[in-house]
């Protein structure tokens, strides 16, 4: 995905982001297999590859604070709730980023 699509594409990640902060911050911390790079390295790669990107979180927003990983991921991606209101805000964010990117070219 990182090598196939250019910065003109928009990235929407859907997930609850309720992982262990260890999985984001440390090498080899994946629960599925050993990865020599920390999760934040991959989050940064995706953010750099797709500047116009958002994270949609299906978990109720009032519960986000209970998971430190939510705060970590929000350092890379604007996070919105997976509701009609959240989708509306996410699309506005994606359009605003697209405008800012095209204006700077």
C-alpha atoms as a PDB file:
ATOM      1  CA  UNK A   1       0.000   0.000   0.000  1.00  0.00           C
ATOM      2  CA  UNK A   2       2.771   2.424   0.882  1.00  0.00           C
ATOM      3  CA  UNK A   3       4.497   1.823  -2.445  1.00  0.00           C
ATOM      4  CA  UNK A   4       1.390   1.529  -4.608  1.00  0.00           C
ATOM      5  CA  UNK A   5      -0.542   4.724  -3.821  1.00  0.00           C
ATOM      6  CA  UNK A   6       0.673   8.322  -3.794  1.00  0.00           C
ATOM      7  CA  UNK A   7       0.002  11.251  -1.469  1.00  0.00           C
ATOM      8  CA  UNK A   8      -3.115  12.220  -3.445  1.00  0.00           C
ATOM      9  CA  UNK A   9      -4.984   9.310  -1.863  1.00  0.00           C
ATOM     10  CA  UNK A  10      -6.816   9.665   1.408  1.00  0.00           C
ATOM     11  CA  UNK A  11      -6.337   7.142   4.173  1.00  0.00           C
ATOM     12  CA  UNK A  12      -9.118   6.153   6.554  1.00  0.00           C
ATOM     13  CA  UNK A  13      -8.182   3.726   9.313  1.00  0.00           C
ATOM     14  CA  UNK A  14     -11.006   2.082  11.231  1.00  0.00           C
ATOM     15  CA  UNK A  15     -10.227   0.491  14.565  1.00  0.00           C
ATOM     16  CA  UNK A  16     -10.757   0.870  18.278  1.00  0.00           C
ATOM     17  CA  UNK A  17      -7.076   1.694  18.956  1.00  0.00           C
ATOM     18  CA  UNK A  18      -7.398  -0.091  22.298  1.00  0.00           C
ATOM     19  CA  UNK A  19      -4.087  -1.884  22.097  1.00  0.00           C
ATOM     20  CA  UNK A  20      -1.327  -1.975  24.610  1.00  0.00           C
ATOM     21  CA  UNK A  21       0.917   1.107  24.425  1.00  0.00           C
ATOM     22  CA  UNK A  22       3.756  -1.419  24.436  1.00  0.00           C
ATOM     23  CA  UNK A  23       2.672  -2.532  20.931  1.00  0.00           C
ATOM     24  CA  UNK A  24       3.092   1.036  19.677  1.00  0.00           C
ATOM     25  CA  UNK A  25       6.232   2.066  21.525  1.00  0.00           C
ATOM     26  CA  UNK A  26       8.568  -0.951  21.482  1.00  0.00           C
ATOM     27  CA  UNK A  27      10.277  -3.105  18.902  1.00  0.00           C
ATOM     28  CA  UNK A  28       9.082  -6.698  18.796  1.00  0.00           C
ATOM     29  CA  UNK A  29       5.906  -5.903  20.688  1.00  0.00           C
ATOM     30  CA  UNK A  30       3.370  -7.132  18.147  1.00  0.00           C
ATOM     31  CA  UNK A  31       0.979  -9.714  19.554  1.00  0.00           C
ATOM     32  CA  UNK A  32       0.939 -11.663  16.267  1.00  0.00           C
ATOM     33  CA  UNK A  33       4.616 -11.894  15.393  1.00  0.00           C
ATOM     34  CA  UNK A  34       7.931 -10.321  16.147  1.00  0.00           C
ATOM     35  CA  UNK A  35       8.401  -7.059  14.289  1.00  0.00           C
ATOM     36  CA  UNK A  36      11.855  -5.495  14.490  1.00  0.00           C
ATOM     37  CA  UNK A  37      10.282  -2.025  14.348  1.00  0.00           C
ATOM     38  CA  UNK A  38       7.977  -0.376  16.846  1.00  0.00           C
ATOM     39  CA  UNK A  39       4.371   0.310  15.857  1.00  0.00           C
ATOM     40  CA  UNK A  40       4.920   4.074  15.897  1.00  0.00           C
ATOM     41  CA  UNK A  41       7.405   3.677  13.034  1.00  0.00           C
ATOM     42  CA  UNK A  42       4.628   2.225  10.874  1.00  0.00           C
ATOM     43  CA  UNK A  43       2.122   4.845  11.989  1.00  0.00           C
ATOM     44  CA  UNK A  44       4.601   7.537  10.957  1.00  0.00           C
ATOM     45  CA  UNK A  45       5.188   5.850   7.585  1.00  0.00           C
ATOM     46  CA  UNK A  46       1.472   5.807   6.863  1.00  0.00           C
ATOM     47  CA  UNK A  47       1.061   9.406   8.006  1.00  0.00           C
ATOM     48  CA  UNK A  48       3.948  10.534   5.794  1.00  0.00           C
ATOM     49  CA  UNK A  49       2.658   8.547   2.811  1.00  0.00           C
ATOM     50  CA  UNK A  50      -0.898   9.848   3.208  1.00  0.00           C
ATOM     51  CA  UNK A  51      -0.938  13.336   4.744  1.00  0.00           C
ATOM     52  CA  UNK A  52      -4.692  13.439   4.253  1.00  0.00           C
ATOM     53  CA  UNK A  53      -5.683  10.713   6.698  1.00  0.00           C
ATOM     54  CA  UNK A  54      -7.975  10.086   9.655  1.00  0.00           C
ATOM     55  CA  UNK A  55      -8.690   7.367  12.197  1.00  0.00           C
ATOM     56  CA  UNK A  56     -12.298   6.324  12.833  1.00  0.00           C
ATOM     57  CA  UNK A  57     -12.824   4.793  16.252  1.00  0.00           C
ATOM     58  CA  UNK A  58     -15.980   2.664  16.807  1.00  0.00           C
ATOM     59  CA  UNK A  59     -15.531   2.784  20.588  1.00  0.00           C
ATOM     60  CA  UNK A  60     -17.675   5.412  22.356  1.00  0.00           C
ATOM     61  CA  UNK A  61     -15.599   8.564  22.604  1.00  0.00           C
ATOM     62  CA  UNK A  62     -16.133   8.829  26.363  1.00  0.00           C
ATOM     63  CA  UNK A  63     -14.142   5.568  26.693  1.00  0.00           C
ATOM     64  CA  UNK A  64     -11.117   6.688  24.683  1.00  0.00           C
ATOM     65  CA  UNK A  65      -9.381   8.174  27.721  1.00  0.00           C
ATOM     66  CA  UNK A  66      -9.208   4.751  29.389  1.00  0.00           C
ATOM     67  CA  UNK A  67      -6.778   3.510  26.724  1.00  0.00           C
ATOM     68  CA  UNK A  68      -3.410   5.300  26.557  1.00  0.00           C
ATOM     69  CA  UNK A  69      -2.952   3.949  23.031  1.00  0.00           C
ATOM     70  CA  UNK A  70      -5.740   6.277  21.858  1.00  0.00           C
ATOM     71  CA  UNK A  71      -3.709   9.293  22.927  1.00  0.00           C
ATOM     72  CA  UNK A  72      -0.586   7.877  21.260  1.00  0.00           C
ATOM     73  CA  UNK A  73      -2.356   7.267  17.955  1.00  0.00           C
ATOM     74  CA  UNK A  74      -3.892  10.741  18.007  1.00  0.00           C
ATOM     75  CA  UNK A  75      -0.354  12.104  17.767  1.00  0.00           C
ATOM     76  CA  UNK A  76      -0.265  10.649  14.246  1.00  0.00           C
ATOM     77  CA  UNK A  77      -3.873  10.792  13.047  1.00  0.00           C
ATOM     78  CA  UNK A  78      -6.868  12.965  13.800  1.00  0.00           C
ATOM     79  CA  UNK A  79      -9.321  10.588  15.476  1.00  0.00           C
ATOM     80  CA  UNK A  80     -13.091  10.719  15.059  1.00  0.00           C
ATOM     81  CA  UNK A  81     -15.887   8.564  16.416  1.00  0.00           C
ATOM     82  CA  UNK A  82     -17.509   6.129  14.027  1.00  0.00           C
ATOM     83  CA  UNK A  83     -20.875   7.892  14.111  1.00  0.00           C
ATOM     84  CA  UNK A  84     -22.662  10.070  11.581  1.00  0.00           C
ATOM     85  CA  UNK A  85     -21.326  13.158  13.326  1.00  0.00           C
ATOM     86  CA  UNK A  86     -17.809  11.724  13.476  1.00  0.00           C
ATOM     87  CA  UNK A  87     -17.908  10.718   9.807  1.00  0.00           C
ATOM     88  CA  UNK A  88     -19.023  14.216   8.861  1.00  0.00           C
ATOM     89  CA  UNK A  89     -16.126  15.729  10.799  1.00  0.00           C
ATOM     90  CA  UNK A  90     -13.664  13.223   9.339  1.00  0.00           C
ATOM     91  CA  UNK A  91     -14.712  14.014   5.758  1.00  0.00           C
ATOM     92  CA  UNK A  92     -14.364  17.742   6.461  1.00  0.00           C
ATOM     93  CA  UNK A  93     -10.874  17.071   7.817  1.00  0.00           C
ATOM     94  CA  UNK A  94      -9.935  15.061   4.725  1.00  0.00           C
ATOM     95  CA  UNK A  95     -11.266  17.769   2.400  1.00  0.00           C
ATOM     96  CA  UNK A  96      -9.452  20.497   4.332  1.00  0.00           C
ATOM     97  CA  UNK A  97      -6.180  18.582   4.123  1.00  0.00           C
ATOM     98  CA  UNK A  98      -6.710  18.004   0.393  1.00  0.00           C
ATOM     99  CA  UNK A  99      -7.264  21.700  -0.152  1.00  0.00           C
ATOM    100  CA  UNK A 100      -4.198  22.619   1.875  1.00  0.00           C
ATOM    101  CA  UNK A 101      -2.076  20.119  -0.040  1.00  0.00           C
ATOM    102  CA  UNK A 102      -3.298  21.230  -3.477  1.00  0.00           C
ATOM    103  CA  UNK A 103      -2.905  24.907  -2.544  1.00  0.00           C
ATOM    104  CA  UNK A 104       0.726  24.366  -1.641  1.00  0.00           C
ATOM    105  CA  UNK A 105       1.584  22.691  -4.994  1.00  0.00           C
END
